[in-house]
Amino acid sequence: MKRVVIAGAAGRDFHNFNVAFRGRDDFRVIAFTATQIPDIEGRVYPAALAGEGYPDGIPIVAEEELSELVQREEIDEVVFAYSDVTHEHVMHIGSMVLAAGADYVLLGPRSTELRSSKPVVAICAVRTGSGKSQTTRHVAGLLRQAGKRVAVLRHPMPYGDLTKQAVQRFERYEDLEAADATIEEREEYEPHLAEGNIVFAGIDYAAILERAEQEADVIVWDGGNNDTPFIGPDLHIVVVDPHRPGHELRYHPGEQNLRMADVCVVNKTDTAPPTGVEAVIESIREVNPVAKIVRAASPFQVEEDTHQIEGKRVLAIEDGPTLTHGEMSYGAAVLAAKQGGAAGLVDPRPFAVGSIKETLAKYPHVKELLPAMGYGRKQMEELRETIARSDAELVLIGTPIDLRRVIDLDKPALRVTYKLQEIGEPTLSQALSERGII
C-alpha cells in the first residue's frame, strides 16, 4: 500500500482525493498539506467525506511541515494539487519532496475529470484575475438567451464546515446568508445569482454534478484561480490577460489550460498596452495554434456620476486573490479613480489591522489599494476596521460583489462594475453553435 500526501490549498486537493484515492485499498492518504488560504491547516478532512478506512478523517497540516512529514511518515508519494503558482514554485516543492525520499506526482485530466450526461462548457484562465468571472456570466447569458437551463458549477471554496459544504446550491441571496458565505464565496456566487443563474459548489463534485444535471440543459464550469476543469468539457474556454504577458507560459496549471483550450479569450484589450495584447496572442499561436482567438474588453462603470470622485482621496478596494497570489497591482477601482480625477489613492498599510496587516506585509506589491480579504467573520471585521481607520474621503469598491451588503462602511462609497464585451469575430456564440451547444 502506497502512503500518500496531497499538497493543496483546500480545493483541487480534496477533489483529487475524492476521484483518484477515496475507496482504494492500494493507497492510503496520510495527510493534506495546505497553503494560500488562511487558517486551513490544523483542520481535518472529515471522516464523512473521506470514506471507509479513514474513521478519524485526514489531517490537514501546513505546507512548511511537508519535508519532515515525508520522512517521519515514510511517505511514498506526494501529489501536487493546487494552482496559480509559477513552474519554478512547483519544482521547488518537487525538489523538497524528492530530497526527502518520496516520488512527486501531478495528476492529469484522465485521472481527475468527471464526465457529464449534459453538454459542458468550461471557463478557465491562465492566471487568477484575468476576467474569468465576467466571461462565465457572459457565456451563461448566451446560453439562457438560447433557451437553455444553466447550472453553474463553481470551483470549490470550502472555508467553513466541510461536511455541511459537501454539496451546496445557491439560487437566492438568502441561500448565501444561510450558508454564512465568506466575502470570497460571495464574490463568485452573488453576481451569478443577480443574473438568474443557479450555482452549485462544495467538495464532492460527483454528487454536485449529479444534482446539477437534474436541473440543467447545460453545465457551465466556473473555474477558480487558473485551475483546470473538474468536469470534462465539450467546449473549453480559457481567458488570457494582456496586462501580464508571459504569465500564460510561466504559471501552473495556466499553461496547461492554454494548451488544452478550444477558445482563448484575450480580455482587457481596452486597457492593456497593444504590445501586451500581441504578446499573449503570439503565445497562443505558439503553443495552441488551433485555438480560436476571441478579443474582448472589460469596460468598467461607476454606479453614479464619476464627478463624485474628482478631487477626493480614494481608498480603492479590489478582489483579494487577484491582488495577492494573482500579483496584480491594480484593478477596476484604481482605473476608475484615475479616470475620475481622484486627488490620490490612499495607502491602506498604515491603517491595516490583524490579518489584513499581515496580508499587506506578505504581498509588498500591493500598495495604494486594499485587497478585500474576508475568509471568515473575524477577517471581515478586520477589513471593516481597516477601512474605518483610513483617512479616505471616498471608497471605490471594485470587487465582484457590493461589500456594503456584508460590511458596514462609515465612509461614502461607490461601486465599480464590469462586464465582458466581445470585439469583432470570431465570437463565443459562434463557438457554442459550432459545438452544437446552442
Protein backbone atom coordinates (compact mmCIF):
# COMPACT_ATOMS: atom_id res chain seq x y z
CA MET A 1 0.00 0.00 0.00
CA LYS A 2 1.41 3.37 -1.03
CA ARG A 3 1.44 6.09 1.60
CA VAL A 4 0.43 9.43 0.08
CA VAL A 5 0.38 13.12 0.97
CA ILE A 6 -1.65 15.55 -1.15
CA ALA A 7 -0.22 19.08 -1.25
CA GLY A 8 -3.06 21.53 -1.75
CA ALA A 9 -4.99 24.64 -0.77
CA ALA A 10 -8.44 23.31 0.18
CA GLY A 11 -9.86 22.82 -3.30
CA ARG A 12 -8.20 20.80 -6.04
CA ASP A 13 -6.56 18.61 -3.41
CA PHE A 14 -9.89 17.46 -1.97
CA HIS A 15 -11.27 16.81 -5.46
CA ASN A 16 -8.23 14.76 -6.45
CA PHE A 17 -8.62 12.69 -3.30
CA ASN A 18 -12.31 12.09 -3.94
CA VAL A 19 -11.91 10.92 -7.53
CA ALA A 20 -8.48 9.27 -7.51
CA PHE A 21 -7.87 7.91 -3.99
CA ARG A 22 -11.09 7.55 -1.99
CA GLY A 23 -12.19 3.94 -1.56
CA ARG A 24 -8.93 2.42 -2.82
CA ASP A 25 -7.06 -0.30 -0.96
CA ASP A 26 -3.72 0.25 -2.71
CA PHE A 27 -3.26 3.83 -1.47
CA ARG A 28 -3.59 5.47 1.92
CA VAL A 29 -3.63 9.27 2.15
CA ILE A 30 -1.80 10.17 5.35
CA ALA A 31 -2.35 13.94 5.22
CA PHE A 32 -3.16 17.00 3.16
CA THR A 33 -0.84 19.98 3.32
CA ALA A 34 -2.25 23.48 2.91
CA THR A 35 -1.12 26.91 1.72
CA GLN A 36 -2.60 30.15 0.23
CA ILE A 37 -5.80 30.08 2.35
CA PRO A 38 -5.68 31.38 5.97
CA ASP A 39 -6.46 29.02 8.86
CA ILE A 40 -6.89 25.86 6.75
CA GLU A 41 -4.03 23.96 8.37
CA GLY A 42 -4.80 22.30 11.69
CA ARG A 43 -8.20 21.15 10.49
CA VAL A 44 -9.32 17.69 9.39
CA TYR A 45 -10.85 16.43 6.17
CA PRO A 46 -13.83 14.77 7.84
CA ALA A 47 -14.48 11.04 8.00
CA ALA A 48 -17.93 11.54 6.46
CA LEU A 49 -16.24 12.74 3.26
CA ALA A 50 -13.08 10.64 3.40
CA GLY A 51 -14.99 7.37 3.45
CA GLU A 52 -14.19 3.91 4.76
CA GLY A 53 -10.67 3.45 6.01
CA TYR A 54 -10.49 6.95 7.48
CA PRO A 55 -12.56 6.78 10.70
CA ASP A 56 -10.72 9.82 12.12
CA GLY A 57 -10.66 11.75 8.87
CA ILE A 58 -7.44 13.02 7.29
CA PRO A 59 -5.33 15.71 8.98
CA ILE A 60 -4.53 18.98 7.19
CA VAL A 61 -1.10 20.38 8.06
CA ALA A 62 0.89 23.42 6.96
CA GLU A 63 2.95 23.01 3.81
CA GLU A 64 6.01 24.09 5.80
CA GLU A 65 5.87 20.68 7.50
CA LEU A 66 5.97 18.72 4.24
CA SER A 67 9.61 17.65 4.20
CA GLU A 68 9.57 16.49 7.83
CA LEU A 69 6.19 14.78 7.25
CA VAL A 70 7.52 12.79 4.29
CA GLN A 71 10.43 11.50 6.32
CA ARG A 72 8.58 10.87 9.57
CA GLU A 73 5.64 9.04 7.97
CA GLU A 74 7.71 7.24 5.33
CA ILE A 75 5.60 8.75 2.55
CA ASP A 76 5.91 7.06 -0.85
CA GLU A 77 4.24 9.72 -2.99
CA VAL A 78 3.37 13.41 -2.78
CA VAL A 79 0.67 14.66 -5.16
CA PHE A 80 0.88 18.36 -6.02
CA ALA A 81 -2.69 19.71 -6.24
CA TYR A 82 -3.08 23.50 -6.15
CA SER A 83 -2.98 26.32 -8.66
CA ASP A 84 -1.75 29.76 -9.69
CA VAL A 85 1.91 29.23 -8.87
CA THR A 86 5.00 29.53 -11.05
CA HIS A 87 6.50 26.49 -12.70
CA GLU A 88 9.57 27.23 -10.58
CA HIS A 89 7.47 27.01 -7.40
CA VAL A 90 6.07 23.63 -8.46
CA MET A 91 9.58 22.26 -8.81
CA HIS A 92 10.86 23.84 -5.60
CA ILE A 93 8.19 21.79 -3.82
CA GLY A 94 9.18 18.84 -6.00
CA SER A 95 12.84 19.19 -5.06
CA MET A 96 11.88 19.25 -1.38
CA VAL A 97 9.79 16.10 -1.77
CA LEU A 98 12.39 14.23 -3.81
CA ALA A 99 15.16 15.15 -1.39
CA ALA A 100 13.01 13.80 1.45
CA GLY A 101 12.76 10.48 -0.40
CA ALA A 102 9.27 10.38 -1.94
CA ASP A 103 8.00 10.37 -5.52
CA TYR A 104 6.47 13.59 -6.84
CA VAL A 105 3.26 13.33 -8.86
CA LEU A 106 0.92 15.54 -10.91
CA LEU A 107 -2.45 14.04 -11.84
CA GLY A 108 -3.82 14.73 -15.32
CA PRO A 109 -7.33 15.16 -16.73
CA ARG A 110 -7.98 11.46 -17.36
CA SER A 111 -7.47 10.80 -13.64
CA THR A 112 -9.44 13.76 -12.33
CA GLU A 113 -12.13 14.94 -14.76
CA LEU A 114 -15.68 13.76 -14.18
CA ARG A 115 -17.98 13.08 -17.14
CA SER A 116 -21.42 14.62 -17.52
CA SER A 117 -24.52 13.40 -19.32
CA LYS A 118 -25.14 17.04 -20.31
CA PRO A 119 -23.09 19.39 -22.53
CA VAL A 120 -20.33 21.09 -20.53
CA VAL A 121 -18.74 24.48 -21.17
CA ALA A 122 -15.66 25.17 -19.04
CA ILE A 123 -14.35 28.68 -18.47
CA CYS A 124 -10.82 28.75 -17.08
CA ALA A 125 -7.88 31.16 -17.14
CA VAL A 126 -4.10 31.36 -17.28
CA ARG A 127 -3.99 33.48 -14.07
CA THR A 128 -6.43 34.50 -11.41
CA GLY A 129 -7.82 37.96 -12.15
CA SER A 130 -7.81 37.50 -15.93
CA GLY A 131 -11.55 38.13 -16.22
CA LYS A 132 -12.86 34.61 -15.93
CA SER A 133 -15.90 35.58 -13.83
CA GLN A 134 -17.36 38.08 -16.28
CA THR A 135 -16.62 35.66 -19.12
CA THR A 136 -18.55 32.93 -17.31
CA ARG A 137 -21.52 35.24 -16.74
CA HIS A 138 -21.41 36.28 -20.41
CA VAL A 139 -21.41 32.67 -21.59
CA ALA A 140 -24.25 31.77 -19.21
CA GLY A 141 -26.21 34.70 -20.63
CA LEU A 142 -25.71 33.46 -24.20
CA LEU A 143 -26.97 30.02 -23.15
CA ARG A 144 -30.04 31.47 -21.40
CA GLN A 145 -30.82 33.57 -24.49
CA ALA A 146 -30.79 30.33 -26.47
CA GLY A 147 -33.43 28.91 -24.11
CA LYS A 148 -31.10 26.64 -22.15
CA ARG A 149 -31.41 25.93 -18.45
CA VAL A 150 -27.97 26.65 -16.99
CA ALA A 151 -26.28 25.25 -13.90
CA VAL A 152 -23.02 26.94 -12.94
CA LEU A 153 -20.60 24.66 -11.11
CA ARG A 154 -18.11 26.81 -9.29
CA HIS A 155 -14.60 25.67 -8.36
CA PRO A 156 -14.54 24.76 -4.62
CA MET A 157 -14.18 27.36 -1.90
CA PRO A 158 -14.53 25.22 1.26
CA TYR A 159 -13.72 27.63 4.07
CA GLY A 160 -16.33 26.51 6.60
CA ASP A 161 -17.75 23.23 7.88
CA LEU A 162 -16.55 20.78 5.23
CA THR A 163 -19.26 18.19 5.93
CA LYS A 164 -22.03 20.76 5.54
CA GLN A 165 -20.37 22.06 2.37
CA ALA A 166 -20.23 18.71 0.56
CA VAL A 167 -22.99 19.78 -1.85
CA GLN A 168 -24.17 23.38 -1.97
CA ARG A 169 -26.88 25.01 -4.10
CA PHE A 170 -27.42 28.77 -4.33
CA GLU A 171 -30.39 30.38 -6.05
CA ARG A 172 -31.23 33.39 -3.85
CA TYR A 173 -29.27 35.83 -1.69
CA GLU A 174 -30.89 34.18 1.33
CA ASP A 175 -29.04 30.98 0.43
CA LEU A 176 -25.74 32.85 0.87
CA GLU A 177 -26.84 34.06 4.28
CA ALA A 178 -27.93 30.56 5.31
CA ALA A 179 -24.52 29.20 4.30
CA ASP A 180 -22.69 32.02 6.15
CA ALA A 181 -20.78 32.65 2.92
CA THR A 182 -17.44 34.48 3.12
CA ILE A 183 -16.57 37.51 1.01
CA GLU A 184 -14.55 35.26 -1.32
CA GLU A 185 -17.52 32.95 -1.83
CA ARG A 186 -19.95 35.82 -2.32
CA GLU A 187 -17.67 37.41 -4.91
CA GLU A 188 -18.03 34.32 -7.07
CA TYR A 189 -21.65 33.34 -6.35
CA GLU A 190 -23.56 36.60 -5.94
CA PRO A 191 -23.04 38.03 -9.47
CA HIS A 192 -24.42 34.79 -10.91
CA LEU A 193 -27.50 34.96 -8.69
CA ALA A 194 -28.08 38.56 -9.79
CA GLU A 195 -28.28 37.36 -13.40
CA GLY A 196 -30.56 34.40 -12.69
CA ASN A 197 -28.01 31.60 -12.69
CA ILE A 198 -28.21 28.72 -10.20
CA VAL A 199 -24.82 28.00 -8.64
CA PHE A 200 -23.61 24.66 -7.31
CA ALA A 201 -20.41 24.25 -5.33
CA GLY A 202 -18.89 22.36 -2.43
CA ILE A 203 -16.48 19.46 -2.09
CA ASP A 204 -17.92 16.25 -3.56
CA TYR A 205 -18.19 17.14 -7.25
CA ALA A 206 -19.56 13.77 -8.36
CA ALA A 207 -22.57 14.37 -6.10
CA ILE A 208 -22.69 18.05 -7.09
CA LEU A 209 -22.69 17.20 -10.80
CA GLU A 210 -25.40 14.58 -10.37
CA ARG A 211 -27.66 17.11 -8.66
CA ALA A 212 -26.95 19.86 -11.19
CA GLU A 213 -27.76 17.56 -14.11
CA GLN A 214 -31.28 17.18 -12.73
CA GLU A 215 -31.94 20.91 -13.19
CA ALA A 216 -29.93 21.93 -16.25
CA ASP A 217 -29.63 21.52 -20.01
CA VAL A 218 -26.02 22.77 -19.95
CA ILE A 219 -23.35 22.64 -17.26
CA VAL A 220 -21.05 25.66 -17.04
CA TRP A 221 -17.80 25.05 -15.17
CA ASP A 222 -16.67 28.29 -13.48
CA GLY A 223 -13.01 27.73 -12.72
CA GLY A 224 -11.03 29.09 -9.78
CA ASN A 225 -7.58 30.66 -9.93
CA ASN A 226 -6.03 29.23 -13.10
CA ASP A 227 -7.04 25.65 -12.33
CA THR A 228 -8.15 23.13 -14.95
CA PRO A 229 -11.76 21.83 -15.14
CA PHE A 230 -13.11 19.22 -12.74
CA ILE A 231 -15.72 18.24 -15.37
CA GLY A 232 -14.64 17.15 -18.86
CA PRO A 233 -15.69 19.99 -21.20
CA ASP A 234 -17.28 19.86 -24.63
CA LEU A 235 -16.03 23.42 -25.10
CA HIS A 236 -13.03 24.68 -23.14
CA ILE A 237 -12.72 28.49 -22.99
CA VAL A 238 -9.56 29.98 -21.46
CA VAL A 239 -9.10 33.67 -20.60
CA VAL A 240 -5.67 35.27 -21.01
CA ASP A 241 -4.56 38.60 -19.56
CA PRO A 242 -2.51 41.02 -21.70
CA HIS A 243 -1.74 43.08 -18.58
CA ARG A 244 0.54 40.19 -17.59
CA PRO A 245 2.08 39.00 -20.88
CA GLY A 246 4.26 35.95 -20.48
CA HIS A 247 2.42 34.69 -17.42
CA GLU A 248 0.39 32.38 -19.66
CA LEU A 249 3.57 30.30 -20.14
CA ARG A 250 5.05 30.62 -16.65
CA TYR A 251 2.28 29.56 -14.25
CA HIS A 252 0.84 26.18 -13.30
CA PRO A 253 -1.63 24.94 -14.39
CA GLY A 254 -2.39 28.01 -16.50
CA GLU A 255 -0.12 26.87 -19.31
CA GLN A 256 -1.90 23.50 -19.29
CA ASN A 257 -5.20 25.35 -19.72
CA LEU A 258 -3.73 27.36 -22.59
CA ARG A 259 -2.58 24.20 -24.37
CA MET A 260 -5.97 22.48 -23.82
CA ALA A 261 -8.16 25.43 -24.87
CA ASP A 262 -10.64 25.31 -27.73
CA VAL A 263 -11.13 29.08 -27.46
CA CYS A 264 -8.81 31.69 -25.96
CA VAL A 265 -10.39 34.98 -24.86
CA VAL A 266 -7.87 37.82 -24.95
CA ASN A 267 -9.50 40.08 -22.36
CA LYS A 268 -8.91 43.69 -21.28
CA THR A 269 -7.88 44.85 -24.75
CA ASP A 270 -9.42 48.21 -23.85
CA THR A 271 -6.92 48.89 -21.03
CA ALA A 272 -3.87 46.72 -21.82
CA PRO A 273 -0.98 48.03 -23.93
CA PRO A 274 -1.04 46.81 -27.57
CA THR A 275 2.32 45.14 -27.01
CA GLY A 276 0.76 43.03 -24.24
CA VAL A 277 -2.14 42.03 -26.47
CA GLU A 278 0.17 40.97 -29.29
CA ALA A 279 2.46 39.10 -26.87
CA VAL A 280 -0.31 36.89 -25.49
CA ILE A 281 -1.68 36.23 -28.99
CA GLU A 282 1.81 35.13 -30.04
CA SER A 283 1.91 32.74 -27.05
CA ILE A 284 -1.44 31.25 -28.04
CA ARG A 285 -0.32 30.73 -31.62
CA GLU A 286 2.95 29.20 -30.43
CA VAL A 287 1.54 26.52 -28.10
CA ASN A 288 -2.04 26.07 -29.35
CA PRO A 289 -2.31 27.17 -32.98
CA VAL A 290 -5.72 25.52 -33.49
CA ALA A 291 -7.43 27.52 -30.71
CA LYS A 292 -9.88 30.22 -31.80
CA ILE A 293 -8.92 33.67 -30.53
CA VAL A 294 -11.71 35.95 -29.29
CA ARG A 295 -10.79 39.54 -28.46
CA ALA A 296 -12.69 41.18 -25.62
CA ALA A 297 -12.81 44.19 -23.33
CA SER A 298 -13.99 44.55 -19.75
CA PRO A 299 -15.18 48.17 -19.56
CA PHE A 300 -15.98 49.39 -16.07
CA GLN A 301 -18.90 51.50 -14.93
CA VAL A 302 -19.22 53.53 -11.74
CA GLU A 303 -22.70 53.26 -10.23
CA GLU A 304 -23.20 57.03 -10.01
CA ASP A 305 -21.75 60.18 -11.54
CA THR A 306 -17.95 59.89 -11.66
CA HIS A 307 -17.71 63.60 -10.74
CA GLN A 308 -18.06 62.44 -7.13
CA ILE A 309 -14.53 61.01 -7.47
CA GLU A 310 -12.88 64.22 -8.64
CA GLY A 311 -10.54 65.77 -6.07
CA LYS A 312 -11.16 63.06 -3.45
CA ARG A 313 -8.64 60.91 -1.62
CA VAL A 314 -9.83 57.46 -2.65
CA LEU A 315 -9.42 54.07 -1.00
CA ALA A 316 -9.60 51.53 -3.82
CA ILE A 317 -10.75 48.05 -2.79
CA GLU A 318 -10.20 45.18 -5.22
CA ASP A 319 -10.70 41.40 -5.34
CA GLY A 320 -8.42 39.79 -2.76
CA PRO A 321 -6.92 36.76 -4.54
CA THR A 322 -6.36 38.80 -7.73
CA LEU A 323 -4.07 41.12 -5.79
CA THR A 324 -2.37 38.56 -3.54
CA HIS A 325 -1.25 35.39 -5.29
CA GLY A 326 -2.63 36.82 -8.56
CA GLU A 327 0.09 39.50 -8.32
CA MET A 328 -1.97 42.30 -9.89
CA SER A 329 -1.18 45.78 -8.58
CA TYR A 330 -4.39 47.48 -9.77
CA GLY A 331 -7.94 46.74 -10.82
CA ALA A 332 -11.21 48.40 -11.83
CA ALA A 333 -11.39 50.63 -8.74
CA VAL A 334 -7.90 52.02 -9.35
CA LEU A 335 -8.67 52.65 -13.02
CA ALA A 336 -11.94 54.37 -12.10
CA ALA A 337 -10.18 56.55 -9.52
CA LYS A 338 -7.61 57.73 -12.03
CA GLN A 339 -10.15 58.29 -14.79
CA GLY A 340 -12.44 60.16 -12.39
CA GLY A 341 -9.73 62.62 -11.35
CA ALA A 342 -9.14 61.47 -7.77
CA ALA A 343 -6.72 63.62 -5.79
CA GLY A 344 -4.83 60.47 -4.85
CA LEU A 345 -5.05 56.85 -3.79
CA VAL A 346 -4.89 56.03 -0.10
CA ASP A 347 -2.18 53.64 1.02
CA PRO A 348 -4.01 51.28 3.43
CA ARG A 349 -0.89 49.90 5.09
CA PRO A 350 -0.64 52.47 7.94
CA PHE A 351 -4.28 51.77 8.86
CA ALA A 352 -4.35 47.97 8.50
CA VAL A 353 -5.06 45.70 11.47
CA GLY A 354 -4.76 41.99 12.23
CA SER A 355 -4.68 39.60 9.28
CA ILE A 356 -5.15 42.49 6.82
CA LYS A 357 -1.88 43.99 8.05
CA GLU A 358 -0.21 40.57 7.73
CA THR A 359 -1.53 40.14 4.18
CA LEU A 360 -0.20 43.53 3.08
CA ALA A 361 3.19 42.71 4.61
CA LYS A 362 3.27 39.35 2.81
CA TYR A 363 2.44 40.91 -0.57
CA PRO A 364 4.53 44.13 -0.74
CA HIS A 365 3.50 44.84 -4.36
CA VAL A 366 0.02 45.72 -3.01
CA LYS A 367 0.42 49.39 -2.08
CA GLU A 368 -2.20 52.02 -2.88
CA LEU A 369 -5.17 49.67 -2.84
CA LEU A 370 -6.80 47.25 -0.42
CA PRO A 371 -7.48 43.55 -1.10
CA ALA A 372 -10.99 42.56 0.00
CA MET A 373 -9.87 39.70 2.23
CA GLY A 374 -12.72 38.02 4.08
CA TYR A 375 -12.18 34.30 4.63
CA GLY A 376 -14.20 34.41 7.83
CA ARG A 377 -16.12 36.70 10.17
CA LYS A 378 -13.01 37.78 12.06
CA GLN A 379 -11.16 38.77 8.91
CA MET A 380 -14.23 40.58 7.58
CA GLU A 381 -14.32 42.63 10.80
CA GLU A 382 -10.60 43.41 10.41
CA LEU A 383 -11.28 44.56 6.86
CA ARG A 384 -14.09 46.83 8.11
CA GLU A 385 -11.84 48.30 10.81
CA THR A 386 -9.03 48.92 8.31
CA ILE A 387 -11.41 50.85 6.05
CA ALA A 388 -12.78 52.84 9.01
CA ARG A 389 -9.29 53.77 10.26
CA SER A 390 -8.18 55.08 6.86
CA ASP A 391 -8.20 58.78 6.01
CA ALA A 392 -10.05 58.20 2.73
CA GLU A 393 -12.76 60.63 1.67
CA LEU A 394 -14.33 58.09 -0.70
CA VAL A 395 -14.24 54.31 -1.05
CA LEU A 396 -14.36 52.74 -4.51
CA ILE A 397 -15.49 49.11 -4.41
CA GLY A 398 -14.03 47.20 -7.34
CA THR A 399 -14.87 43.74 -6.01
CA PRO A 400 -17.32 41.42 -7.82
CA ILE A 401 -19.84 41.97 -5.01
CA ASP A 402 -21.09 45.07 -3.25
CA LEU A 403 -19.16 44.99 0.02
CA ARG A 404 -21.84 47.17 1.59
CA ARG A 405 -24.01 44.06 1.73
CA VAL A 406 -21.67 42.38 4.21
CA ILE A 407 -19.67 45.20 5.83
CA ASP A 408 -20.94 48.42 7.40
CA LEU A 409 -18.91 51.25 5.88
CA ASP A 410 -18.74 54.61 7.67
CA LYS A 411 -17.46 56.44 4.58
CA PRO A 412 -19.11 57.39 1.29
CA ALA A 413 -18.69 54.58 -1.22
CA LEU A 414 -19.29 53.91 -4.89
CA ARG A 415 -19.25 50.57 -6.62
CA VAL A 416 -17.33 49.88 -9.83
CA THR A 417 -18.66 47.04 -12.01
CA TYR A 418 -17.56 45.49 -15.29
CA LYS A 419 -18.85 43.12 -17.95
CA LEU A 420 -17.29 41.26 -20.83
CA GLN A 421 -17.64 42.92 -24.22
CA GLU A 422 -16.64 40.89 -27.28
CA ILE A 423 -14.85 42.70 -30.09
CA GLY A 424 -15.22 41.51 -33.69
CA GLU A 425 -15.15 37.87 -34.72
CA PRO A 426 -14.92 35.00 -34.01
CA THR A 427 -17.38 35.16 -31.12
CA LEU A 428 -18.20 32.92 -28.20
CA SER A 429 -21.71 32.47 -29.57
CA GLN A 430 -20.22 31.08 -32.77
CA ALA A 431 -18.04 28.68 -30.78
CA LEU A 432 -21.04 27.44 -28.80
CA SER A 433 -23.01 26.95 -32.01
CA GLU A 434 -20.20 25.08 -33.76
CA ARG A 435 -20.10 22.57 -30.89
CA GLY A 436 -23.88 22.11 -31.05
CA ILE A 437 -24.37 23.53 -27.55
CA ILE A 438 -26.77 26.25 -28.75
